[in-house]
Amino acid sequence: MFGAVDPTKSCYRRVFLETNWYYKNNTRARKRARKYPGQGGLPPEEVRMRRVLSKVMPIVLLLGLTAYVFAETDPVPAQRELRAMTVAELEKAGDARRAINDFPAAALYFEAALRQDRRNAVIYNKLGLAQISYGDMNAARNSFTRAVRLDPNNVNAINNLGVIHFRQQRLTDAAKYFRMAIALEETRAAFHVNLGVTLFSQRRIEQAMKSYERALALDPEVFIRNSRTGVAAQITNPEDRALLNFELAKMFARQGNAEGCLRYLQYANENGYRRMADVYRDPLFSILWDDERLHEMVEPPAAR
C-alpha cells in the first residue's frame, strides 16, 4: 500500500509520491528510470508511440461513434410528423421496420397508428409482435389481449397470446388459447405445433405427439416455416428438447419416414439425449438398423 497521503496536497504531488514508492520497490523500474531519466522509465520509441496514440485515438473514437449513430436506419420521425401520417402509412412503416428487425421503431409506428384508430385489432397484434421481439412480455400480452377483445376471431392474436402464456410458464392458459385458435382455424399446422409443445411441457407426451402428427399431416414443412403474423412456442431446456426430438423420431419411424426419423435422432443426439442406445432395442427404429448413418451416430451392439 502507498500509505496515508495528505488530502491537502495536489493530485500531482500524490502521483509523485505513489510513483516514487513504485520505483523504490521495483528493481526493474529503477533500472529503467536510470536508463531513461525524465521519461518515466520509458524508452524513447514507446514515448513517441504513446504521444501518437494520444492524438489519434480521440479521432478514431469519434469516427466510430459517428458511424454507430448514423449507420443504422433512418431516424423515426418526430411526433408531429407521425401525427401527419395516415393509419395505413404508419402501419406500412411499422411493417418495414419489423422486416429489418428494428422492433422498437416498429412499435413506435404501430403505437402512433393506434392513437388514430384505437379499435384496430390487426395493428394491436403487430404491436404485440414487435414488443415480444424486443423482450417486453407484459406489454405484448396487453397488446394481444386488446386485439382479442376487439376481434374474438383474430386467430393470430389468440395464438400469440397463448405463446406469451407459454413463455411465462402458464401452461394451462397457453393450452386453452392454442385450442381456441385451432377451433377457429383447424388447418393451421403451426397452432397444432404450439399445442404439442405445451402438452409436451406438461409431460402429456402421447397427446403431444398426436398434435405433432396432425401438424405434419397439414404441412410437412411446418417445423421450418416462419410466420410474420405469429410466434411459436419453443422448448429452451436442452434435456427437454433432446427428449422431444427423440419422441419426434419415433413418430417419423411409425410413419415409415426413415429420413425424418434419422434427422430427429441426430437432433436428439446433438442435444445430449442419454438413451440413444435405445434405437437398437425399440423395433420402431428397425427401418434404420442397417443404415450406416445411424451406425456412425450410435455404435451398434455387435460392434461394442
Protein backbone atom coordinates (compact mmCIF):
# COMPACT_ATOMS: atom_id res chain seq x y z
CA MET A 1 0.00 0.00 0.00
CA PHE A 2 1.07 3.58 -0.56
CA GLY A 3 0.25 4.71 2.99
CA ALA A 4 -1.68 7.77 4.00
CA VAL A 5 -1.48 10.73 1.65
CA ASP A 6 -2.25 14.24 2.79
CA PRO A 7 -5.50 15.19 1.01
CA THR A 8 -4.44 18.85 1.02
CA LYS A 9 -1.61 18.09 -1.35
CA SER A 10 -2.20 18.40 -5.08
CA CYS A 11 -3.07 15.42 -7.25
CA TYR A 12 0.30 15.84 -8.93
CA ARG A 13 2.05 15.51 -5.59
CA ARG A 14 0.10 12.32 -4.88
CA VAL A 15 1.12 10.86 -8.25
CA PHE A 16 4.73 11.71 -7.46
CA LEU A 17 4.56 10.02 -4.06
CA GLU A 18 2.97 6.87 -5.45
CA THR A 19 5.38 6.74 -8.40
CA ASN A 20 8.32 7.30 -6.08
CA TRP A 21 7.17 4.35 -3.92
CA TYR A 22 6.82 2.20 -7.02
CA TYR A 23 10.36 2.89 -8.19
CA LYS A 24 11.82 2.29 -4.72
CA ASN A 25 10.12 -1.10 -4.52
CA ASN A 26 10.62 -2.33 -8.04
CA THR A 27 14.16 -3.08 -9.16
CA ARG A 28 13.27 -3.26 -12.85
CA ALA A 29 11.52 0.07 -12.73
CA ARG A 30 14.57 1.68 -11.03
CA LYS A 31 16.86 0.40 -13.76
CA ARG A 32 14.60 1.75 -16.48
CA ALA A 33 14.33 5.07 -14.68
CA ARG A 34 18.14 5.38 -14.59
CA LYS A 35 18.41 4.39 -18.25
CA TYR A 36 15.70 6.80 -19.42
CA PRO A 37 15.69 9.69 -16.94
CA GLY A 38 12.93 12.26 -17.31
CA GLN A 39 10.74 9.90 -19.37
CA GLY A 40 9.10 7.90 -16.59
CA GLY A 41 11.36 4.96 -17.30
CA LEU A 42 10.03 4.52 -20.83
CA PRO A 43 12.17 4.04 -23.95
CA PRO A 44 12.06 6.95 -26.46
CA GLU A 45 10.18 4.88 -29.07
CA GLU A 46 7.46 3.98 -26.55
CA VAL A 47 7.13 7.63 -25.54
CA ARG A 48 6.70 8.60 -29.18
CA MET A 49 4.13 5.86 -29.72
CA ARG A 50 2.12 6.97 -26.72
CA ARG A 51 2.11 10.54 -27.95
CA VAL A 52 0.88 9.46 -31.39
CA LEU A 53 -1.86 7.29 -29.86
CA SER A 54 -2.98 10.10 -27.57
CA LYS A 55 -3.59 12.24 -30.67
CA VAL A 56 -5.07 9.55 -32.91
CA MET A 57 -7.36 7.69 -30.50
CA PRO A 58 -9.83 10.56 -29.90
CA ILE A 59 -10.33 10.85 -33.65
CA VAL A 60 -10.84 7.09 -34.02
CA LEU A 61 -13.36 7.03 -31.16
CA LEU A 62 -15.25 9.98 -32.63
CA LEU A 63 -15.44 8.35 -36.06
CA GLY A 64 -16.64 5.07 -34.51
CA LEU A 65 -19.36 6.83 -32.52
CA THR A 66 -20.48 8.74 -35.60
CA ALA A 67 -20.70 5.50 -37.62
CA TYR A 68 -22.72 3.83 -34.85
CA VAL A 69 -25.18 6.70 -34.63
CA PHE A 70 -25.75 7.21 -38.35
CA ALA A 71 -25.12 3.81 -39.94
CA GLU A 72 -28.27 2.04 -38.75
CA THR A 73 -31.63 3.09 -40.11
CA ASP A 74 -33.29 6.38 -40.79
CA PRO A 75 -34.41 8.03 -37.55
CA VAL A 76 -38.03 7.74 -36.52
CA PRO A 77 -39.90 10.95 -37.43
CA ALA A 78 -40.85 13.39 -34.70
CA GLN A 79 -44.28 13.13 -33.10
CA ARG A 80 -45.59 15.99 -35.26
CA GLU A 81 -44.62 14.08 -38.42
CA LEU A 82 -46.13 10.85 -37.07
CA ARG A 83 -49.42 12.65 -36.44
CA ALA A 84 -49.40 13.85 -40.04
CA MET A 85 -49.19 10.27 -41.39
CA THR A 86 -52.30 8.18 -42.03
CA VAL A 87 -53.02 4.90 -40.24
CA ALA A 88 -52.16 2.96 -43.41
CA GLU A 89 -48.85 4.82 -43.79
CA LEU A 90 -47.92 4.23 -40.15
CA GLU A 91 -48.78 0.53 -40.41
CA LYS A 92 -46.69 0.19 -43.57
CA ALA A 93 -43.75 1.98 -41.96
CA GLY A 94 -44.03 -0.29 -38.90
CA ASP A 95 -44.07 -3.36 -41.12
CA ALA A 96 -40.93 -2.09 -42.87
CA ARG A 97 -39.14 -1.67 -39.55
CA ARG A 98 -40.18 -5.17 -38.44
CA ALA A 99 -38.82 -6.57 -41.70
CA ILE A 100 -35.33 -5.28 -40.82
CA ASN A 101 -35.69 -6.32 -37.14
CA ASP A 102 -35.86 -2.73 -35.87
CA PHE A 103 -38.59 -3.69 -33.40
CA PRO A 104 -38.56 -0.66 -31.05
CA ALA A 105 -39.03 1.69 -34.02
CA ALA A 106 -41.79 -0.58 -35.40
CA ALA A 107 -43.59 -0.35 -32.06
CA LEU A 108 -43.45 3.45 -32.20
CA TYR A 109 -45.14 3.46 -35.62
CA PHE A 110 -47.82 0.98 -34.52
CA GLU A 111 -48.50 2.96 -31.33
CA ALA A 112 -48.88 6.14 -33.42
CA ALA A 113 -51.32 4.32 -35.70
CA LEU A 114 -53.35 3.12 -32.70
CA ARG A 115 -53.64 6.64 -31.36
CA GLN A 116 -55.62 7.37 -34.50
CA ASP A 117 -57.50 4.06 -34.68
CA ARG A 118 -57.91 2.55 -31.22
CA ARG A 119 -60.09 -0.32 -32.42
CA ASN A 120 -57.71 -1.84 -34.96
CA ALA A 121 -57.13 -5.41 -33.79
CA VAL A 122 -54.66 -6.17 -36.61
CA ILE A 123 -52.32 -3.36 -35.56
CA TYR A 124 -52.58 -4.36 -31.90
CA ASN A 125 -51.42 -7.82 -32.92
CA LYS A 126 -48.49 -6.34 -34.87
CA LEU A 127 -47.60 -4.13 -31.92
CA GLY A 128 -47.55 -7.20 -29.68
CA LEU A 129 -45.24 -9.00 -32.11
CA ALA A 130 -42.81 -6.08 -32.05
CA GLN A 131 -42.94 -5.93 -28.26
CA ILE A 132 -42.36 -9.66 -27.81
CA SER A 133 -39.41 -9.44 -30.20
CA TYR A 134 -37.57 -6.95 -28.01
CA GLY A 135 -38.50 -8.79 -24.82
CA ASP A 136 -41.33 -6.76 -23.27
CA MET A 137 -43.60 -9.71 -22.48
CA ASN A 138 -46.10 -7.82 -20.32
CA ALA A 139 -46.65 -5.11 -22.92
CA ALA A 140 -47.02 -7.79 -25.62
CA ARG A 141 -49.59 -9.66 -23.53
CA ASN A 142 -51.61 -6.45 -23.12
CA SER A 143 -51.49 -5.78 -26.87
CA PHE A 144 -52.57 -9.31 -27.81
CA THR A 145 -55.32 -9.24 -25.18
CA ARG A 146 -56.62 -5.96 -26.59
CA ALA A 147 -56.57 -7.44 -30.10
CA VAL A 148 -58.60 -10.47 -28.98
CA ARG A 149 -61.13 -8.28 -27.16
CA LEU A 150 -61.62 -6.15 -30.26
CA ASP A 151 -61.81 -9.18 -32.56
CA PRO A 152 -62.55 -12.52 -30.83
CA ASN A 153 -61.97 -14.31 -34.15
CA ASN A 154 -58.44 -12.98 -34.65
CA VAL A 155 -56.71 -16.36 -34.60
CA ASN A 156 -53.21 -14.88 -34.89
CA ALA A 157 -53.68 -12.77 -31.76
CA ILE A 158 -55.20 -15.74 -29.90
CA ASN A 159 -52.24 -17.94 -30.84
CA ASN A 160 -49.77 -15.23 -29.89
CA LEU A 161 -51.47 -14.75 -26.54
CA GLY A 162 -51.02 -18.48 -25.98
CA VAL A 163 -47.31 -18.14 -26.72
CA ILE A 164 -46.99 -15.37 -24.15
CA HIS A 165 -48.60 -17.61 -21.51
CA PHE A 166 -46.31 -20.47 -22.56
CA ARG A 167 -43.17 -18.36 -22.18
CA GLN A 168 -44.36 -17.19 -18.79
CA GLN A 169 -44.89 -20.85 -17.75
CA ARG A 170 -48.69 -20.60 -17.52
CA LEU A 171 -49.11 -23.82 -19.46
CA THR A 172 -52.81 -24.42 -18.74
CA ASP A 173 -53.70 -20.97 -20.07
CA ALA A 174 -51.40 -21.46 -23.04
CA ALA A 175 -53.09 -24.74 -24.00
CA LYS A 176 -56.51 -23.05 -23.67
CA TYR A 177 -55.60 -20.32 -26.17
CA PHE A 178 -53.99 -22.75 -28.61
CA ARG A 179 -57.15 -24.88 -28.56
CA MET A 180 -59.22 -21.73 -29.16
CA ALA A 181 -57.08 -20.91 -32.21
CA ILE A 182 -57.43 -24.48 -33.52
CA ALA A 183 -61.20 -24.37 -33.04
CA LEU A 184 -61.34 -21.27 -35.23
CA GLU A 185 -58.86 -22.47 -37.87
CA GLU A 186 -58.14 -26.17 -37.58
CA THR A 187 -56.00 -26.32 -40.72
CA ARG A 188 -53.21 -24.08 -39.38
CA ALA A 189 -50.37 -26.50 -38.68
CA ALA A 190 -48.46 -24.01 -36.51
CA PHE A 191 -51.29 -23.95 -33.96
CA HIS A 192 -51.08 -27.74 -33.58
CA VAL A 193 -47.30 -27.48 -33.10
CA ASN A 194 -47.73 -24.90 -30.35
CA LEU A 195 -50.32 -27.05 -28.62
CA GLY A 196 -47.99 -30.05 -28.96
CA VAL A 197 -45.10 -28.16 -27.34
CA THR A 198 -47.36 -27.11 -24.46
CA LEU A 199 -48.69 -30.62 -23.88
CA PHE A 200 -45.15 -32.00 -24.02
CA SER A 201 -44.07 -29.45 -21.39
CA GLN A 202 -46.90 -30.79 -19.22
CA ARG A 203 -45.46 -34.29 -19.82
CA ARG A 204 -48.61 -35.34 -21.67
CA ILE A 205 -46.42 -36.90 -24.31
CA GLU A 206 -48.97 -39.13 -26.05
CA GLN A 207 -51.35 -36.20 -26.62
CA ALA A 208 -48.44 -34.00 -27.68
CA MET A 209 -47.40 -36.49 -30.37
CA LYS A 210 -50.97 -36.54 -31.73
CA SER A 211 -50.81 -32.76 -32.11
CA TYR A 212 -47.47 -33.04 -33.92
CA GLU A 213 -48.81 -35.76 -36.22
CA ARG A 214 -51.76 -33.56 -37.15
CA ALA A 215 -49.43 -30.62 -37.80
CA LEU A 216 -47.21 -32.67 -40.11
CA ALA A 217 -50.24 -34.06 -41.92
CA LEU A 218 -51.33 -30.47 -42.63
CA ASP A 219 -47.87 -29.17 -43.52
CA PRO A 220 -44.79 -31.44 -43.83
CA GLU A 221 -42.53 -28.37 -43.60
CA VAL A 222 -44.22 -26.83 -40.56
CA PHE A 223 -41.07 -27.02 -38.44
CA ILE A 224 -39.04 -24.86 -40.82
CA ARG A 225 -41.58 -22.23 -41.78
CA ASN A 226 -41.50 -18.69 -40.38
CA SER A 227 -44.56 -16.53 -39.94
CA ARG A 228 -44.83 -12.74 -39.96
CA THR A 229 -48.18 -12.81 -38.13
CA GLY A 230 -47.43 -15.19 -35.28
CA VAL A 231 -44.80 -16.54 -32.94
CA ALA A 232 -44.02 -20.09 -31.87
CA ALA A 233 -43.84 -21.80 -28.52
CA GLN A 234 -40.38 -23.29 -28.12
CA ILE A 235 -38.67 -25.55 -25.60
CA THR A 236 -35.40 -24.00 -24.43
CA ASN A 237 -34.18 -26.61 -21.93
CA PRO A 238 -31.64 -28.84 -23.77
CA GLU A 239 -32.67 -32.04 -21.96
CA ASP A 240 -36.36 -31.48 -22.71
CA ARG A 241 -35.51 -30.60 -26.31
CA ALA A 242 -33.47 -33.79 -26.63
CA LEU A 243 -36.37 -35.89 -25.32
CA LEU A 244 -38.83 -34.13 -27.64
CA ASN A 245 -36.58 -34.77 -30.66
CA PHE A 246 -36.31 -38.46 -29.72
CA GLU A 247 -40.11 -38.73 -29.45
CA LEU A 248 -40.47 -36.99 -32.82
CA ALA A 249 -38.01 -39.50 -34.29
CA LYS A 250 -40.32 -42.26 -33.02
CA MET A 251 -43.27 -40.54 -34.65
CA PHE A 252 -41.47 -40.43 -38.02
CA ALA A 253 -40.49 -44.07 -37.57
CA ARG A 254 -44.16 -45.04 -37.05
CA GLN A 255 -44.95 -43.25 -40.29
CA GLY A 256 -42.19 -45.15 -42.11
CA ASN A 257 -40.28 -41.93 -42.77
CA ALA A 258 -36.66 -43.05 -42.38
CA GLU A 259 -35.14 -39.68 -43.34
CA GLY A 260 -37.29 -37.75 -40.87
CA CYS A 261 -36.56 -40.32 -38.18
CA LEU A 262 -32.81 -40.09 -38.75
CA ARG A 263 -32.92 -36.27 -38.79
CA TYR A 264 -34.60 -36.06 -35.39
CA LEU A 265 -32.37 -38.73 -33.92
CA GLN A 266 -29.47 -36.52 -34.96
CA TYR A 267 -31.10 -33.55 -33.23
CA ALA A 268 -31.65 -35.63 -30.08
CA ASN A 269 -28.03 -36.75 -30.14
CA GLU A 270 -26.79 -33.16 -30.58
CA ASN A 271 -28.87 -32.07 -27.59
CA GLY A 272 -27.32 -34.76 -25.42
CA TYR A 273 -30.04 -37.40 -25.22
CA ARG A 274 -28.71 -40.02 -22.82
CA ARG A 275 -30.53 -43.11 -24.07
CA MET A 276 -29.55 -43.11 -27.72
CA ALA A 277 -28.72 -46.84 -27.44
CA ASP A 278 -32.50 -47.46 -27.24
CA VAL A 279 -32.64 -47.17 -31.04
CA TYR A 280 -31.32 -50.75 -31.21
CA ARG A 281 -33.82 -52.04 -28.64
CA ASP A 282 -37.02 -50.48 -29.95
CA PRO A 283 -38.40 -52.28 -33.07
CA LEU A 284 -39.80 -48.94 -34.26
CA PHE A 285 -36.28 -47.98 -35.34
CA SER A 286 -35.67 -51.21 -37.26
CA ILE A 287 -36.03 -49.24 -40.51
CA LEU A 288 -32.63 -47.71 -39.68
CA TRP A 289 -30.76 -50.64 -38.20
CA ASP A 290 -28.85 -51.32 -41.43
CA ASP A 291 -28.23 -47.61 -42.15
CA GLU A 292 -24.55 -46.66 -41.88
CA ARG A 293 -25.53 -43.12 -40.88
CA LEU A 294 -27.17 -44.49 -37.73
CA HIS A 295 -24.10 -46.64 -37.03
CA GLU A 296 -21.90 -43.53 -37.19
CA MET A 297 -24.22 -41.75 -34.79
CA VAL A 298 -24.77 -44.64 -32.35
CA GLU A 299 -22.47 -47.64 -32.24
CA PRO A 300 -24.45 -50.86 -32.89
CA PRO A 301 -24.40 -53.53 -30.14
CA ALA A 302 -22.41 -56.09 -32.22
CA ALA A 303 -19.53 -53.63 -32.60
CA ARG A 304 -19.18 -52.98 -28.85
